[in-house]
């Protein structure tokens, strides 16, 4: 940073270029489109909230990983493993046909994949040159696992609501 503390500029705080803003904008637009589609397709508030939590987790995982890295810094190739975590969730959602019960399973599997990445990183010492290793990996893994499990729980509740409403006799 340059100058006195009173003269800190936006450029001193954020060092983004056009590519960074473009990627961020595309991620934001993608999340908005996915949520809009989910909102139209699902009448359950639990399902919509689950989609929000899952999208937020995916968004934050990609952004943190690209901006500063989770395993070491952002240039550490080991961070590419986290795309496997997202792939588990995406493939699971497709297999589940976006139905709430299957989505709950897919997000639970995503949480397991997140833990597996942390275990691999710790066993093999990936990112061990980082200043707060292994705390950084453990804290971020706990954060993301909590989000994946919260989304899974919300999808499970949406499945229960769906079952309850479909089993009620018509008057």
C-alpha atoms as a PDB file:
ATOM      1  CA  UNK A   1       0.000   0.000   0.000  1.00  0.00           C
ATOM      2  CA  UNK A   2       1.157   3.471  -0.720  1.00  0.00           C
ATOM      3  CA  UNK A   3       0.660   6.739   1.098  1.00  0.00           C
ATOM      4  CA  UNK A   4      -0.783   7.395   4.512  1.00  0.00           C
ATOM      5  CA  UNK A   5      -3.469   5.147   6.047  1.00  0.00           C
ATOM      6  CA  UNK A   6      -6.048   7.818   5.176  1.00  0.00           C
ATOM      7  CA  UNK A   7      -5.222   7.603   1.480  1.00  0.00           C
ATOM      8  CA  UNK A   8      -5.813   3.878   0.895  1.00  0.00           C
ATOM      9  CA  UNK A   9      -7.406   3.374  -2.490  1.00  0.00           C
ATOM     10  CA  UNK A  10      -9.494   0.541  -3.922  1.00  0.00           C
ATOM     11  CA  UNK A  11      -6.499  -0.481  -6.053  1.00  0.00           C
ATOM     12  CA  UNK A  12      -4.418  -0.925  -2.882  1.00  0.00           C
ATOM     13  CA  UNK A  13      -6.936  -3.368  -1.427  1.00  0.00           C
ATOM     14  CA  UNK A  14      -8.060  -5.354  -4.486  1.00  0.00           C
ATOM     15  CA  UNK A  15      -5.600  -6.330  -7.188  1.00  0.00           C
ATOM     16  CA  UNK A  16      -8.049  -7.658  -9.788  1.00  0.00           C
ATOM     17  CA  UNK A  17      -7.752  -7.435 -13.530  1.00  0.00           C
ATOM     18  CA  UNK A  18     -10.400  -7.729 -16.235  1.00  0.00           C
ATOM     19  CA  UNK A  19     -10.189 -11.546 -16.175  1.00  0.00           C
ATOM     20  CA  UNK A  20     -10.885 -11.650 -12.424  1.00  0.00           C
ATOM     21  CA  UNK A  21     -13.947  -9.425 -12.763  1.00  0.00           C
ATOM     22  CA  UNK A  22     -15.160 -11.447 -15.765  1.00  0.00           C
ATOM     23  CA  UNK A  23     -14.826 -14.755 -13.908  1.00  0.00           C
ATOM     24  CA  UNK A  24     -16.548 -13.337 -10.834  1.00  0.00           C
ATOM     25  CA  UNK A  25     -19.377 -11.938 -12.967  1.00  0.00           C
ATOM     26  CA  UNK A  26     -19.810 -15.245 -14.811  1.00  0.00           C
ATOM     27  CA  UNK A  27     -19.887 -17.164 -11.522  1.00  0.00           C
ATOM     28  CA  UNK A  28     -22.453 -14.766 -10.086  1.00  0.00           C
ATOM     29  CA  UNK A  29     -24.603 -14.940 -13.222  1.00  0.00           C
ATOM     30  CA  UNK A  30     -24.386 -18.747 -13.256  1.00  0.00           C
ATOM     31  CA  UNK A  31     -25.456 -18.985  -9.622  1.00  0.00           C
ATOM     32  CA  UNK A  32     -28.356 -16.593 -10.278  1.00  0.00           C
ATOM     33  CA  UNK A  33     -29.544 -18.610 -13.284  1.00  0.00           C
ATOM     34  CA  UNK A  34     -29.360 -21.903 -11.381  1.00  0.00           C
ATOM     35  CA  UNK A  35     -31.281 -20.432  -8.438  1.00  0.00           C
ATOM     36  CA  UNK A  36     -33.915 -18.970 -10.747  1.00  0.00           C
ATOM     37  CA  UNK A  37     -34.435 -22.357 -12.396  1.00  0.00           C
ATOM     38  CA  UNK A  38     -34.654 -24.086  -9.002  1.00  0.00           C
ATOM     39  CA  UNK A  39     -37.107 -21.471  -7.722  1.00  0.00           C
ATOM     40  CA  UNK A  40     -39.397 -22.053 -10.691  1.00  0.00           C
ATOM     41  CA  UNK A  41     -39.185 -25.844 -10.441  1.00  0.00           C
ATOM     42  CA  UNK A  42     -39.599 -26.249  -6.666  1.00  0.00           C
ATOM     43  CA  UNK A  43     -42.454 -25.080  -4.513  1.00  0.00           C
ATOM     44  CA  UNK A  44     -40.743 -26.122  -1.274  1.00  0.00           C
ATOM     45  CA  UNK A  45     -38.987 -23.415   0.718  1.00  0.00           C
ATOM     46  CA  UNK A  46     -36.617 -26.067   2.126  1.00  0.00           C
ATOM     47  CA  UNK A  47     -35.611 -27.099  -1.410  1.00  0.00           C
ATOM     48  CA  UNK A  48     -34.988 -23.475  -2.468  1.00  0.00           C
ATOM     49  CA  UNK A  49     -32.957 -22.805   0.678  1.00  0.00           C
ATOM     50  CA  UNK A  50     -30.968 -26.000   0.102  1.00  0.00           C
ATOM     51  CA  UNK A  51     -30.159 -24.830  -3.416  1.00  0.00           C
ATOM     52  CA  UNK A  52     -29.017 -21.474  -2.007  1.00  0.00           C
ATOM     53  CA  UNK A  53     -26.737 -23.119   0.548  1.00  0.00           C
ATOM     54  CA  UNK A  54     -25.266 -25.539  -2.010  1.00  0.00           C
ATOM     55  CA  UNK A  55     -24.708 -22.748  -4.531  1.00  0.00           C
ATOM     56  CA  UNK A  56     -23.097 -20.554  -1.882  1.00  0.00           C
ATOM     57  CA  UNK A  57     -20.790 -23.396  -0.840  1.00  0.00           C
ATOM     58  CA  UNK A  58     -19.774 -24.082  -4.445  1.00  0.00           C
ATOM     59  CA  UNK A  59     -19.329 -20.380  -5.177  1.00  0.00           C
ATOM     60  CA  UNK A  60     -17.180 -19.782  -2.098  1.00  0.00           C
ATOM     61  CA  UNK A  61     -15.150 -22.951  -2.704  1.00  0.00           C
ATOM     62  CA  UNK A  62     -14.294 -21.872  -6.247  1.00  0.00           C
ATOM     63  CA  UNK A  63     -13.622 -18.279  -5.260  1.00  0.00           C
ATOM     64  CA  UNK A  64     -11.432 -18.993  -2.223  1.00  0.00           C
ATOM     65  CA  UNK A  65      -9.569 -21.672  -4.109  1.00  0.00           C
ATOM     66  CA  UNK A  66      -8.887 -19.381  -7.054  1.00  0.00           C
ATOM     67  CA  UNK A  67      -8.125 -16.267  -5.031  1.00  0.00           C
ATOM     68  CA  UNK A  68      -5.852 -17.536  -2.260  1.00  0.00           C
ATOM     69  CA  UNK A  69      -5.918 -21.332  -2.404  1.00  0.00           C
ATOM     70  CA  UNK A  70      -6.928 -23.793   0.264  1.00  0.00           C
ATOM     71  CA  UNK A  71      -3.964 -26.126  -0.023  1.00  0.00           C
ATOM     72  CA  UNK A  72      -1.011 -23.771   0.123  1.00  0.00           C
ATOM     73  CA  UNK A  73      -1.505 -20.767  -2.146  1.00  0.00           C
ATOM     74  CA  UNK A  74      -3.640 -20.304  -5.268  1.00  0.00           C
ATOM     75  CA  UNK A  75      -0.870 -21.520  -7.574  1.00  0.00           C
ATOM     76  CA  UNK A  76      -0.555 -24.905  -5.834  1.00  0.00           C
ATOM     77  CA  UNK A  77      -1.787 -27.539  -8.300  1.00  0.00           C
ATOM     78  CA  UNK A  78      -3.159 -29.609  -5.408  1.00  0.00           C
ATOM     79  CA  UNK A  79      -6.044 -27.117  -5.247  1.00  0.00           C
ATOM     80  CA  UNK A  80      -7.360 -28.607  -8.488  1.00  0.00           C
ATOM     81  CA  UNK A  81      -8.512 -31.597  -6.414  1.00  0.00           C
ATOM     82  CA  UNK A  82     -11.394 -29.451  -5.157  1.00  0.00           C
ATOM     83  CA  UNK A  83     -12.948 -29.554  -8.615  1.00  0.00           C
ATOM     84  CA  UNK A  84     -13.440 -33.257  -7.875  1.00  0.00           C
ATOM     85  CA  UNK A  85     -15.501 -32.279  -4.835  1.00  0.00           C
ATOM     86  CA  UNK A  86     -17.715 -30.140  -7.041  1.00  0.00           C
ATOM     87  CA  UNK A  87     -17.881 -32.925  -9.638  1.00  0.00           C
ATOM     88  CA  UNK A  88     -19.242 -35.308  -6.987  1.00  0.00           C
ATOM     89  CA  UNK A  89     -22.048 -32.856  -6.230  1.00  0.00           C
ATOM     90  CA  UNK A  90     -22.832 -32.095  -9.871  1.00  0.00           C
ATOM     91  CA  UNK A  91     -22.786 -35.723 -11.014  1.00  0.00           C
ATOM     92  CA  UNK A  92     -24.827 -36.721  -7.965  1.00  0.00           C
ATOM     93  CA  UNK A  93     -27.408 -34.026  -8.715  1.00  0.00           C
ATOM     94  CA  UNK A  94     -27.707 -35.183 -12.316  1.00  0.00           C
ATOM     95  CA  UNK A  95     -28.077 -38.836 -11.278  1.00  0.00           C
ATOM     96  CA  UNK A  96     -30.710 -37.761  -8.723  1.00  0.00           C
ATOM     97  CA  UNK A  97     -32.521 -35.810 -11.446  1.00  0.00           C
ATOM     98  CA  UNK A  98     -32.529 -32.924  -8.969  1.00  0.00           C
ATOM     99  CA  UNK A  99     -35.121 -34.698  -6.806  1.00  0.00           C
ATOM    100  CA  UNK A 100     -34.784 -33.767  -3.110  1.00  0.00           C
ATOM    101  CA  UNK A 101     -34.051 -37.241  -1.704  1.00  0.00           C
ATOM    102  CA  UNK A 102     -31.307 -37.840  -4.245  1.00  0.00           C
ATOM    103  CA  UNK A 103     -29.978 -34.321  -3.796  1.00  0.00           C
ATOM    104  CA  UNK A 104     -29.625 -34.992  -0.068  1.00  0.00           C
ATOM    105  CA  UNK A 105     -27.506 -38.046  -0.869  1.00  0.00           C
ATOM    106  CA  UNK A 106     -25.478 -36.133  -3.452  1.00  0.00           C
ATOM    107  CA  UNK A 107     -24.666 -33.343  -0.982  1.00  0.00           C
ATOM    108  CA  UNK A 108     -23.790 -35.870   1.726  1.00  0.00           C
ATOM    109  CA  UNK A 109     -21.393 -37.509  -0.756  1.00  0.00           C
ATOM    110  CA  UNK A 110     -19.990 -34.055  -1.531  1.00  0.00           C
ATOM    111  CA  UNK A 111     -19.266 -33.534   2.172  1.00  0.00           C
ATOM    112  CA  UNK A 112     -17.460 -36.889   2.268  1.00  0.00           C
ATOM    113  CA  UNK A 113     -15.441 -35.898  -0.806  1.00  0.00           C
ATOM    114  CA  UNK A 114     -14.489 -32.626   0.902  1.00  0.00           C
ATOM    115  CA  UNK A 115     -13.214 -34.557   3.932  1.00  0.00           C
ATOM    116  CA  UNK A 116     -11.352 -36.987   1.661  1.00  0.00           C
ATOM    117  CA  UNK A 117      -9.478 -34.116   0.016  1.00  0.00           C
ATOM    118  CA  UNK A 118      -8.412 -32.798   3.423  1.00  0.00           C
ATOM    119  CA  UNK A 119      -7.269 -36.251   4.527  1.00  0.00           C
ATOM    120  CA  UNK A 120      -5.198 -36.677   1.352  1.00  0.00           C
ATOM    121  CA  UNK A 121      -3.702 -33.187   1.778  1.00  0.00           C
ATOM    122  CA  UNK A 122      -2.760 -33.915   5.392  1.00  0.00           C
ATOM    123  CA  UNK A 123      -1.369 -37.400   4.750  1.00  0.00           C
ATOM    124  CA  UNK A 124       0.802 -36.239   1.858  1.00  0.00           C
ATOM    125  CA  UNK A 125       1.720 -32.884   3.415  1.00  0.00           C
ATOM    126  CA  UNK A 126       0.197 -30.915   0.551  1.00  0.00           C
ATOM    127  CA  UNK A 127       0.492 -27.218   1.279  1.00  0.00           C
ATOM    128  CA  UNK A 128       2.692 -27.849   4.316  1.00  0.00           C
ATOM    129  CA  UNK A 129       4.768 -24.771   3.511  1.00  0.00           C
ATOM    130  CA  UNK A 130       1.775 -22.505   4.173  1.00  0.00           C
ATOM    131  CA  UNK A 131       2.119 -20.337   7.285  1.00  0.00           C
ATOM    132  CA  UNK A 132      -0.798 -21.867   9.213  1.00  0.00           C
ATOM    133  CA  UNK A 133      -0.748 -25.424   7.860  1.00  0.00           C
ATOM    134  CA  UNK A 134      -2.633 -27.664   8.761  1.00  0.00           C
ATOM    135  CA  UNK A 135      -5.067 -25.330  10.540  1.00  0.00           C
ATOM    136  CA  UNK A 136      -6.040 -23.643   7.278  1.00  0.00           C
ATOM    137  CA  UNK A 137      -7.046 -26.930   5.668  1.00  0.00           C
ATOM    138  CA  UNK A 138      -8.866 -28.158   8.774  1.00  0.00           C
ATOM    139  CA  UNK A 139     -10.829 -24.926   9.328  1.00  0.00           C
ATOM    140  CA  UNK A 140     -11.856 -24.539   5.704  1.00  0.00           C
ATOM    141  CA  UNK A 141     -12.766 -28.214   5.431  1.00  0.00           C
ATOM    142  CA  UNK A 142     -14.976 -27.897   8.497  1.00  0.00           C
ATOM    143  CA  UNK A 143     -16.626 -24.800   7.033  1.00  0.00           C
ATOM    144  CA  UNK A 144     -17.382 -26.440   3.686  1.00  0.00           C
ATOM    145  CA  UNK A 145     -18.459 -29.753   5.202  1.00  0.00           C
ATOM    146  CA  UNK A 146     -20.910 -27.846   7.405  1.00  0.00           C
ATOM    147  CA  UNK A 147     -22.371 -26.105   4.348  1.00  0.00           C
ATOM    148  CA  UNK A 148     -22.651 -29.358   2.339  1.00  0.00           C
ATOM    149  CA  UNK A 149     -24.302 -31.133   5.276  1.00  0.00           C
ATOM    150  CA  UNK A 150     -26.680 -28.225   5.891  1.00  0.00           C
ATOM    151  CA  UNK A 151     -27.742 -28.360   2.233  1.00  0.00           C
ATOM    152  CA  UNK A 152     -28.159 -32.155   2.460  1.00  0.00           C
ATOM    153  CA  UNK A 153     -30.316 -31.780   5.585  1.00  0.00           C
ATOM    154  CA  UNK A 154     -32.477 -29.144   3.887  1.00  0.00           C
ATOM    155  CA  UNK A 155     -32.930 -31.372   0.822  1.00  0.00           C
ATOM    156  CA  UNK A 156     -33.886 -34.236   3.145  1.00  0.00           C
ATOM    157  CA  UNK A 157     -36.514 -31.992   4.755  1.00  0.00           C
ATOM    158  CA  UNK A 158     -37.774 -31.034   1.302  1.00  0.00           C
ATOM    159  CA  UNK A 159     -38.084 -34.750   0.458  1.00  0.00           C
ATOM    160  CA  UNK A 160     -40.057 -35.353   3.648  1.00  0.00           C
ATOM    161  CA  UNK A 161     -42.383 -32.456   2.845  1.00  0.00           C
ATOM    162  CA  UNK A 162     -42.837 -33.827  -0.653  1.00  0.00           C
ATOM    163  CA  UNK A 163     -43.679 -37.276   0.736  1.00  0.00           C
ATOM    164  CA  UNK A 164     -46.144 -35.831   3.263  1.00  0.00           C
ATOM    165  CA  UNK A 165     -48.000 -33.743   0.681  1.00  0.00           C
ATOM    166  CA  UNK A 166     -48.154 -36.564  -1.857  1.00  0.00           C
ATOM    167  CA  UNK A 167     -49.492 -39.081   0.687  1.00  0.00           C
ATOM    168  CA  UNK A 168     -52.385 -36.891   1.887  1.00  0.00           C
ATOM    169  CA  UNK A 169     -55.725 -38.076   0.571  1.00  0.00           C
ATOM    170  CA  UNK A 170     -57.550 -35.726  -1.718  1.00  0.00           C
ATOM    171  CA  UNK A 171     -60.830 -34.306  -0.461  1.00  0.00           C
END
